[in-house]
Structure formats: structure tokens, C-alpha cells
């Protein structure tokens, strides 16, 4: 009998967002607010904001930033006030597949350790780049994910 071992990536992360928070997130992103500051203002964990970044980049709602997602000067942050929209729920990465065969997780780790970029890992595992980025976030954590992606030739989204 063959036993199939499954790993669920980011099992503990909250993917539900108030649409007003998503709009505020986009404004902060466009104003160059850092990941840590966004998490603080949105009252969310940094990993949850990182997931929203992946989601919004994958859906072309936000673009790249030359200054990255590190610390920024607070003076650059604009506060446009509260949005008057009804409460609408938004699910980040709603269409992503978070289930991974344990063998694929091991294969991913081996490729990542060899320095293979996300695009190539995605191709070899036959998964979307966002799903691989989610696995990186799950397996390596936020800090390692950010430093690892920045040192790879191809970046997510």
C-alpha cells in the first residue's frame, strides 16, 4: 500500500481581508510604505501582508517597487483617511493550490538549496510561480523568502 503524504502550505495564515483594507494596502504600497509598517497599520501579521502582496502582484493590482518592501521614511507616507465602502470580504490567493505532495516539498528544497530560480522550480514541479512562492514562505519564513528571492535571477510576479 502506498501512503501519500500531503503538506498544506501556510495552514495557519488568515487569507480573509476586508476590501477596505485591500484598498488601503494598495495605497500604502504605492506610497512606498514598508512591509512592517503596513502590517502595523493593517493590524495583521507580516506573513499575511506578504501573502496579500503575492496575491495583488499575481492579479496585476500592484506593480514592482524600486525601493523594495523594506523600511521607509514615515514622512513619505500619506494618510488619505477612511474609505466609505460597505464591508466586503476579499480572499487572498483564492485560486492557489496549497496542497503539496511531500515528495514535491523535498524536491523543492533540493532545488532551492542548489540556487534554482522560482520560474525553473515552477516549471519542474508543474506549479504556478505564486504557489511556489507560497511554499517558500511556508518552508523558509518571510525573512529567508525575501533574501532568497532577491538573490535569484527571476522574481515572483
N, C-alpha and C. Protein backbone atom coordinates (compact mmCIF):
# COMPACT_ATOMS: atom_id res chain seq x y z
N UNK A 1 0.84 -1.18 0.00
CA UNK A 1 0.00 0.00 0.00
C UNK A 1 0.89 1.25 0.00
N UNK A 2 0.61 2.16 -0.88
CA UNK A 2 1.35 3.41 -0.98
C UNK A 2 0.67 4.47 -0.13
N UNK A 3 1.45 5.14 0.68
CA UNK A 3 0.92 6.21 1.52
C UNK A 3 1.30 7.54 0.88
N UNK A 4 0.30 8.36 0.65
CA UNK A 4 0.52 9.68 0.07
C UNK A 4 0.54 10.70 1.20
N UNK A 5 1.67 11.33 1.40
CA UNK A 5 1.78 12.34 2.45
C UNK A 5 1.59 13.72 1.83
N UNK A 6 0.68 14.48 2.41
CA UNK A 6 0.33 15.80 1.89
C UNK A 6 0.75 16.87 2.90
N UNK A 7 1.28 17.96 2.39
CA UNK A 7 1.64 19.12 3.21
C UNK A 7 0.75 20.29 2.80
N UNK A 8 0.16 20.96 3.76
CA UNK A 8 -0.66 22.15 3.49
C UNK A 8 0.18 23.37 3.80
N UNK A 9 0.48 24.15 2.78
CA UNK A 9 1.31 25.35 2.95
C UNK A 9 0.50 26.46 3.62
N UNK A 10 1.13 27.17 4.53
CA UNK A 10 0.56 28.33 5.22
C UNK A 10 -0.79 28.03 5.86
N UNK A 11 -0.87 26.89 6.50
CA UNK A 11 -2.12 26.44 7.11
C UNK A 11 -2.65 27.40 8.17
N UNK A 12 -1.77 28.11 8.85
CA UNK A 12 -2.16 28.99 9.96
C UNK A 12 -2.40 30.44 9.54
N UNK A 13 -2.30 30.75 8.26
CA UNK A 13 -2.42 32.14 7.80
C UNK A 13 -3.87 32.49 7.51
N UNK A 14 -4.27 33.70 7.90
CA UNK A 14 -5.62 34.21 7.62
C UNK A 14 -5.62 34.87 6.24
N UNK A 15 -6.38 34.33 5.31
CA UNK A 15 -6.43 34.84 3.95
C UNK A 15 -7.61 35.78 3.71
N UNK A 16 -8.47 35.96 4.71
CA UNK A 16 -9.63 36.83 4.56
C UNK A 16 -9.26 38.27 4.87
N UNK A 17 -9.67 39.16 3.97
CA UNK A 17 -9.40 40.58 4.12
C UNK A 17 -10.69 41.35 3.88
N UNK A 18 -10.84 42.45 4.60
CA UNK A 18 -11.89 43.42 4.32
C UNK A 18 -11.44 44.18 3.07
N UNK A 19 -12.33 44.34 2.11
CA UNK A 19 -11.97 45.02 0.86
C UNK A 19 -11.40 46.42 1.13
N UNK A 20 -11.88 47.07 2.19
CA UNK A 20 -11.34 48.40 2.53
C UNK A 20 -9.87 48.31 2.92
N UNK A 21 -9.50 47.22 3.60
CA UNK A 21 -8.09 47.00 3.95
C UNK A 21 -7.25 46.79 2.70
N UNK A 22 -7.81 46.09 1.72
CA UNK A 22 -7.08 45.83 0.48
C UNK A 22 -6.82 47.15 -0.25
N UNK A 23 -7.82 48.02 -0.28
CA UNK A 23 -7.65 49.33 -0.93
C UNK A 23 -6.60 50.16 -0.18
N UNK A 24 -6.67 50.16 1.15
CA UNK A 24 -5.67 50.86 1.96
C UNK A 24 -4.28 50.27 1.72
N UNK A 25 -4.20 48.95 1.65
CA UNK A 25 -2.92 48.29 1.35
C UNK A 25 -2.35 48.79 0.03
N UNK A 26 -3.18 48.87 -1.02
CA UNK A 26 -2.69 49.33 -2.33
C UNK A 26 -2.17 50.76 -2.26
N UNK A 27 -2.87 51.61 -1.52
CA UNK A 27 -2.41 52.99 -1.36
C UNK A 27 -1.06 53.02 -0.65
N UNK A 28 -0.94 52.24 0.41
CA UNK A 28 0.33 52.20 1.14
C UNK A 28 1.44 51.63 0.26
N UNK A 29 1.12 50.60 -0.51
CA UNK A 29 2.11 50.01 -1.43
C UNK A 29 2.60 51.07 -2.41
N UNK A 30 1.67 51.80 -3.02
CA UNK A 30 2.02 52.83 -4.00
C UNK A 30 2.78 54.00 -3.38
N UNK A 31 2.59 54.22 -2.08
CA UNK A 31 3.29 55.30 -1.39
C UNK A 31 4.63 54.85 -0.81
N UNK A 32 5.00 53.59 -1.03
CA UNK A 32 6.30 53.11 -0.59
C UNK A 32 6.39 52.70 0.86
N UNK A 33 5.25 52.42 1.49
CA UNK A 33 5.25 52.02 2.90
C UNK A 33 5.88 50.63 3.03
N UNK A 34 6.67 50.43 4.07
CA UNK A 34 7.36 49.16 4.28
C UNK A 34 6.38 48.06 4.68
N UNK A 35 6.81 46.83 4.51
CA UNK A 35 6.01 45.67 4.90
C UNK A 35 5.68 45.72 6.38
N UNK A 36 6.65 46.02 7.21
CA UNK A 36 6.41 46.04 8.66
C UNK A 36 5.43 47.15 9.04
N UNK A 37 5.54 48.31 8.40
CA UNK A 37 4.62 49.41 8.68
C UNK A 37 3.20 49.07 8.20
N UNK A 38 3.09 48.44 7.02
CA UNK A 38 1.77 48.04 6.53
C UNK A 38 1.12 47.06 7.50
N UNK A 39 1.89 46.09 7.98
CA UNK A 39 1.35 45.10 8.92
C UNK A 39 0.85 45.79 10.18
N UNK A 40 1.61 46.77 10.65
CA UNK A 40 1.23 47.51 11.86
C UNK A 40 -0.06 48.29 11.63
N UNK A 41 -0.14 49.02 10.52
CA UNK A 41 -1.32 49.84 10.25
C UNK A 41 -2.56 49.01 9.95
N UNK A 42 -2.37 47.86 9.31
CA UNK A 42 -3.50 46.99 8.97
C UNK A 42 -3.85 46.03 10.12
N UNK A 43 -3.02 46.05 11.17
CA UNK A 43 -3.20 45.16 12.33
C UNK A 43 -3.24 43.70 11.89
N UNK A 44 -2.26 43.35 11.05
CA UNK A 44 -2.13 41.99 10.54
C UNK A 44 -0.70 41.52 10.72
N UNK A 45 -0.49 40.21 10.66
CA UNK A 45 0.86 39.65 10.71
C UNK A 45 1.58 39.97 9.40
N UNK A 46 2.91 40.10 9.48
CA UNK A 46 3.69 40.38 8.27
C UNK A 46 3.51 39.30 7.22
N UNK A 47 3.40 38.06 7.63
CA UNK A 47 3.24 36.97 6.67
C UNK A 47 1.90 37.11 5.93
N UNK A 48 0.87 37.62 6.60
CA UNK A 48 -0.43 37.83 5.95
C UNK A 48 -0.34 38.95 4.93
N UNK A 49 0.40 40.00 5.25
CA UNK A 49 0.60 41.09 4.29
C UNK A 49 1.44 40.59 3.11
N UNK A 50 2.43 39.74 3.39
CA UNK A 50 3.25 39.17 2.32
C UNK A 50 2.39 38.33 1.37
N UNK A 51 1.44 37.58 1.92
CA UNK A 51 0.52 36.80 1.08
C UNK A 51 -0.32 37.73 0.22
N UNK A 52 -0.79 38.83 0.81
CA UNK A 52 -1.57 39.80 0.03
C UNK A 52 -0.72 40.42 -1.07
N UNK A 53 0.55 40.68 -0.80
CA UNK A 53 1.45 41.20 -1.84
C UNK A 53 1.53 40.20 -2.99
N UNK A 54 1.71 38.93 -2.69
CA UNK A 54 1.76 37.90 -3.74
C UNK A 54 0.46 37.88 -4.54
N UNK A 55 -0.66 37.94 -3.82
CA UNK A 55 -1.97 37.91 -4.47
C UNK A 55 -2.16 39.11 -5.39
N UNK A 56 -1.89 40.29 -4.88
CA UNK A 56 -2.12 41.51 -5.65
C UNK A 56 -1.16 41.62 -6.83
N UNK A 57 0.08 41.18 -6.66
CA UNK A 57 1.04 41.19 -7.77
C UNK A 57 0.62 40.19 -8.84
N UNK A 58 0.14 39.02 -8.41
CA UNK A 58 -0.29 37.99 -9.36
C UNK A 58 -1.50 38.44 -10.15
N UNK A 59 -2.36 39.25 -9.54
CA UNK A 59 -3.56 39.76 -10.21
C UNK A 59 -3.35 41.13 -10.85
N UNK A 60 -2.10 41.57 -10.93
CA UNK A 60 -1.71 42.84 -11.57
C UNK A 60 -2.39 44.05 -10.93
N UNK A 61 -2.65 43.98 -9.64
CA UNK A 61 -3.26 45.11 -8.92
C UNK A 61 -2.19 46.06 -8.38
N UNK A 62 -0.97 45.54 -8.21
CA UNK A 62 0.16 46.37 -7.78
C UNK A 62 1.35 46.06 -8.68
N UNK A 63 2.22 47.03 -8.81
CA UNK A 63 3.43 46.84 -9.60
C UNK A 63 4.65 46.71 -8.72
N UNK A 64 5.78 46.54 -9.36
CA UNK A 64 7.04 46.45 -8.63
C UNK A 64 7.41 47.79 -8.03
N UNK A 65 8.28 47.75 -7.05
CA UNK A 65 8.76 48.98 -6.41
C UNK A 65 10.27 48.95 -6.40
N UNK A 66 10.88 50.04 -6.84
CA UNK A 66 12.34 50.10 -6.89
C UNK A 66 12.95 50.05 -5.50
N UNK A 67 12.22 50.55 -4.50
CA UNK A 67 12.76 50.58 -3.14
C UNK A 67 12.47 49.29 -2.37
N UNK A 68 11.80 48.33 -2.97
CA UNK A 68 11.52 47.06 -2.31
C UNK A 68 10.45 47.19 -1.24
N UNK A 69 10.51 46.32 -0.22
CA UNK A 69 9.49 46.36 0.83
C UNK A 69 10.10 46.61 2.21
N UNK A 70 11.32 47.10 2.23
CA UNK A 70 12.00 47.38 3.49
C UNK A 70 11.51 48.66 4.13
N UNK A 71 12.23 49.08 5.16
CA UNK A 71 11.86 50.29 5.90
C UNK A 71 11.88 51.52 5.02
N UNK A 72 10.90 52.39 5.26
CA UNK A 72 10.80 53.66 4.54
C UNK A 72 10.66 54.78 5.55
N UNK A 73 10.89 55.96 5.08
CA UNK A 73 10.73 57.13 5.93
C UNK A 73 9.25 57.37 6.18
N UNK A 74 8.88 57.60 7.43
CA UNK A 74 7.48 57.82 7.78
C UNK A 74 6.95 59.08 7.11
N UNK A 75 7.82 60.05 6.82
CA UNK A 75 7.37 61.29 6.20
C UNK A 75 6.81 61.05 4.79
N UNK A 76 7.22 59.97 4.14
CA UNK A 76 6.75 59.69 2.78
C UNK A 76 5.34 59.12 2.76
N UNK A 77 4.83 58.71 3.91
CA UNK A 77 3.54 58.03 3.97
C UNK A 77 2.41 59.05 4.01
N UNK A 78 1.47 58.91 3.08
CA UNK A 78 0.31 59.79 3.04
C UNK A 78 -0.87 59.07 3.68
N UNK A 79 -1.66 59.79 4.43
CA UNK A 79 -2.86 59.21 5.02
C UNK A 79 -4.06 59.85 4.36
N UNK A 80 -4.77 59.09 3.57
CA UNK A 80 -5.91 59.62 2.83
C UNK A 80 -7.23 59.41 3.55
N UNK A 81 -7.18 58.93 4.78
CA UNK A 81 -8.40 58.78 5.55
C UNK A 81 -9.11 57.46 5.30
N UNK A 82 -10.28 57.33 5.88
CA UNK A 82 -11.04 56.10 5.82
C UNK A 82 -11.90 56.05 4.57
N UNK A 83 -12.02 54.89 3.98
CA UNK A 83 -12.86 54.71 2.80
C UNK A 83 -14.28 54.38 3.23
N UNK A 84 -15.25 54.95 2.55
CA UNK A 84 -16.65 54.74 2.88
C UNK A 84 -17.24 53.67 1.96
N UNK A 85 -16.82 52.44 2.15
CA UNK A 85 -17.34 51.32 1.38
C UNK A 85 -17.98 50.34 2.34
N UNK A 86 -18.99 49.62 1.88
CA UNK A 86 -19.56 48.59 2.76
C UNK A 86 -18.55 47.46 2.95
N UNK A 87 -18.71 46.74 4.04
CA UNK A 87 -17.82 45.62 4.33
C UNK A 87 -18.00 44.54 3.26
N UNK A 88 -16.93 44.24 2.57
CA UNK A 88 -16.90 43.16 1.58
C UNK A 88 -15.66 42.34 1.86
N UNK A 89 -15.82 41.03 1.91
CA UNK A 89 -14.67 40.17 2.18
C UNK A 89 -13.91 39.89 0.90
N UNK A 90 -12.61 39.84 1.02
CA UNK A 90 -11.71 39.51 -0.08
C UNK A 90 -10.84 38.35 0.39
N UNK A 91 -10.67 37.34 -0.45
CA UNK A 91 -9.85 36.19 -0.10
C UNK A 91 -8.58 36.24 -0.92
N UNK A 92 -7.46 36.41 -0.24
CA UNK A 92 -6.16 36.47 -0.92
C UNK A 92 -5.78 35.08 -1.43
N UNK A 93 -5.25 35.02 -2.62
CA UNK A 93 -4.78 33.77 -3.25
C UNK A 93 -5.88 32.71 -3.27
N UNK A 94 -7.09 33.15 -3.57
CA UNK A 94 -8.25 32.26 -3.54
C UNK A 94 -8.09 31.05 -4.47
N UNK A 95 -7.44 31.22 -5.60
CA UNK A 95 -7.34 30.13 -6.57
C UNK A 95 -6.04 29.34 -6.46
N UNK A 96 -5.19 29.68 -5.51
CA UNK A 96 -3.92 28.96 -5.36
C UNK A 96 -4.14 27.60 -4.72
N UNK A 97 -3.31 26.66 -5.09
CA UNK A 97 -3.36 25.31 -4.53
C UNK A 97 -2.30 25.22 -3.42
N UNK A 98 -2.74 25.02 -2.20
CA UNK A 98 -1.85 24.98 -1.05
C UNK A 98 -1.47 23.56 -0.65
N UNK A 99 -1.97 22.58 -1.36
CA UNK A 99 -1.67 21.18 -1.05
C UNK A 99 -0.44 20.74 -1.84
N UNK A 100 0.51 20.18 -1.13
CA UNK A 100 1.77 19.73 -1.73
C UNK A 100 2.04 18.29 -1.34
N UNK A 101 2.40 17.48 -2.31
CA UNK A 101 2.87 16.13 -2.05
C UNK A 101 4.21 16.26 -1.33
N UNK A 102 4.42 15.48 -0.30
CA UNK A 102 5.65 15.60 0.49
C UNK A 102 6.90 15.40 -0.38
N UNK A 103 6.81 14.55 -1.39
CA UNK A 103 7.96 14.34 -2.29
C UNK A 103 8.29 15.62 -3.06
N UNK A 104 7.24 16.36 -3.46
CA UNK A 104 7.47 17.63 -4.15
C UNK A 104 8.09 18.67 -3.23
N UNK A 105 7.71 18.65 -1.95
CA UNK A 105 8.30 19.57 -0.98
C UNK A 105 9.79 19.29 -0.83
N UNK A 106 10.15 18.02 -0.77
CA UNK A 106 11.57 17.64 -0.67
C UNK A 106 12.31 18.03 -1.94
N UNK A 107 11.71 17.78 -3.11
CA UNK A 107 12.31 18.16 -4.38
C UNK A 107 12.50 19.67 -4.46
N UNK A 108 11.48 20.41 -4.00
CA UNK A 108 11.59 21.87 -3.96
C UNK A 108 12.79 22.30 -3.12
N UNK A 109 12.91 21.73 -1.91
CA UNK A 109 14.01 22.09 -1.01
C UNK A 109 15.37 21.85 -1.67
N UNK A 110 15.49 20.72 -2.35
CA UNK A 110 16.75 20.40 -3.02
C UNK A 110 17.06 21.41 -4.12
N UNK A 111 16.06 21.77 -4.92
CA UNK A 111 16.27 22.75 -6.00
C UNK A 111 16.59 24.12 -5.43
N UNK A 112 15.87 24.53 -4.38
CA UNK A 112 16.10 25.83 -3.77
C UNK A 112 17.51 25.92 -3.21
N UNK A 113 17.94 24.85 -2.55
CA UNK A 113 19.29 24.81 -1.98
C UNK A 113 20.37 24.87 -3.06
N UNK A 114 20.07 24.38 -4.25
CA UNK A 114 21.02 24.43 -5.37
C UNK A 114 21.00 25.79 -6.06
N UNK A 115 20.11 26.69 -5.64
CA UNK A 115 20.07 28.03 -6.21
C UNK A 115 19.22 28.16 -7.46
N UNK A 116 18.35 27.21 -7.71
CA UNK A 116 17.48 27.27 -8.89
C UNK A 116 16.41 28.33 -8.65
N UNK A 117 16.10 29.13 -9.68
CA UNK A 117 15.14 30.22 -9.52
C UNK A 117 13.70 29.71 -9.51
N UNK A 118 12.80 30.59 -9.11
CA UNK A 118 11.39 30.23 -8.94
C UNK A 118 10.75 29.78 -10.24
N UNK A 119 11.06 30.45 -11.34
CA UNK A 119 10.47 30.07 -12.62
C UNK A 119 10.84 28.64 -13.00
N UNK A 120 12.09 28.28 -12.80
CA UNK A 120 12.54 26.93 -13.14
C UNK A 120 11.95 25.90 -12.17
N UNK A 121 11.90 26.23 -10.89
CA UNK A 121 11.28 25.32 -9.92
C UNK A 121 9.81 25.09 -10.28
N UNK A 122 9.12 26.16 -10.63
CA UNK A 122 7.70 26.07 -11.01
C UNK A 122 7.53 25.15 -12.21
N UNK A 123 8.40 25.32 -13.19
CA UNK A 123 8.31 24.51 -14.40
C UNK A 123 8.53 23.03 -14.07
N UNK A 124 9.55 22.75 -13.28
CA UNK A 124 9.87 21.35 -12.95
C UNK A 124 8.80 20.70 -12.08
N UNK A 125 8.19 21.47 -11.20
CA UNK A 125 7.14 20.92 -10.33
C UNK A 125 5.75 21.03 -10.95
N UNK A 126 5.67 21.70 -12.11
CA UNK A 126 4.39 21.91 -12.81
C UNK A 126 3.39 22.63 -11.91
N UNK A 127 3.89 23.71 -11.28
CA UNK A 127 3.06 24.53 -10.40
C UNK A 127 3.21 25.99 -10.80
N UNK A 128 2.22 26.80 -10.44
CA UNK A 128 2.26 28.24 -10.69
C UNK A 128 3.35 28.86 -9.81
N UNK A 129 3.99 29.92 -10.29
CA UNK A 129 5.05 30.58 -9.52
C UNK A 129 4.55 31.08 -8.18
N UNK A 130 3.31 31.54 -8.12
CA UNK A 130 2.75 32.02 -6.86
C UNK A 130 2.65 30.87 -5.85
N UNK A 131 2.28 29.68 -6.33
CA UNK A 131 2.20 28.53 -5.43
C UNK A 131 3.58 28.16 -4.89
N UNK A 132 4.60 28.29 -5.73
CA UNK A 132 5.97 28.03 -5.27
C UNK A 132 6.38 29.11 -4.27
N UNK A 133 6.01 30.36 -4.53
CA UNK A 133 6.32 31.44 -3.59
C UNK A 133 5.64 31.20 -2.24
N UNK A 134 4.42 30.69 -2.26
CA UNK A 134 3.72 30.36 -1.02
C UNK A 134 4.46 29.25 -0.28
N UNK A 135 4.95 28.26 -1.01
CA UNK A 135 5.71 27.18 -0.37
C UNK A 135 7.02 27.71 0.22
N UNK A 136 7.66 28.64 -0.49
CA UNK A 136 8.88 29.26 0.04
C UNK A 136 8.56 29.97 1.36
N UNK A 137 7.48 30.73 1.36
CA UNK A 137 7.06 31.45 2.56
C UNK A 137 6.76 30.46 3.69
N UNK A 138 6.12 29.37 3.36
CA UNK A 138 5.77 28.35 4.35
C UNK A 138 7.01 27.64 4.89
N UNK A 139 7.90 27.24 4.02
CA UNK A 139 9.05 26.44 4.41
C UNK A 139 10.20 27.26 5.00
N UNK A 140 10.41 28.45 4.46
CA UNK A 140 11.59 29.23 4.84
C UNK A 140 11.29 30.43 5.71
N UNK A 141 10.04 30.86 5.76
CA UNK A 141 9.68 32.04 6.52
C UNK A 141 9.87 33.30 5.70
N UNK A 142 9.38 34.39 6.21
CA UNK A 142 9.37 35.65 5.49
C UNK A 142 10.77 36.19 5.21
N UNK A 143 11.62 36.23 6.22
CA UNK A 143 12.96 36.80 6.04
C UNK A 143 13.78 36.02 5.02
N UNK A 144 13.79 34.69 5.16
CA UNK A 144 14.55 33.87 4.22
C UNK A 144 13.96 33.94 2.82
N UNK A 145 12.63 34.02 2.74
CA UNK A 145 11.99 34.13 1.43
C UNK A 145 12.44 35.39 0.73
N UNK A 146 12.39 36.51 1.44
CA UNK A 146 12.75 37.79 0.83
C UNK A 146 14.21 37.82 0.41
N UNK A 147 15.09 37.36 1.27
CA UNK A 147 16.51 37.38 0.91
C UNK A 147 16.80 36.37 -0.19
N UNK A 148 16.13 35.23 -0.16
CA UNK A 148 16.35 34.22 -1.19
C UNK A 148 15.85 34.64 -2.54
N UNK A 149 14.67 35.24 -2.60
CA UNK A 149 14.12 35.68 -3.88
C UNK A 149 14.96 36.80 -4.46
N UNK A 150 15.45 37.70 -3.62
CA UNK A 150 16.24 38.82 -4.12
C UNK A 150 17.57 38.35 -4.71
N UNK A 151 18.05 37.20 -4.29
CA UNK A 151 19.32 36.68 -4.81
C UNK A 151 19.13 35.74 -5.99
N UNK A 152 17.89 35.53 -6.43
CA UNK A 152 17.62 34.67 -7.57
C UNK A 152 17.44 35.54 -8.82
N UNK A 153 17.78 35.02 -10.00
CA UNK A 153 17.69 35.81 -11.21
C UNK A 153 16.26 36.17 -11.63
N UNK A 154 15.26 35.36 -11.29
CA UNK A 154 13.88 35.63 -11.69
C UNK A 154 13.06 35.80 -10.43
N UNK A 155 12.25 36.88 -10.38
CA UNK A 155 11.45 37.13 -9.19
C UNK A 155 9.99 36.81 -9.47
N UNK A 156 9.23 36.64 -8.40
CA UNK A 156 7.81 36.35 -8.50
C UNK A 156 7.07 37.58 -8.99
N UNK A 157 6.06 37.33 -9.82
CA UNK A 157 5.17 38.35 -10.36
C UNK A 157 5.97 39.44 -10.93
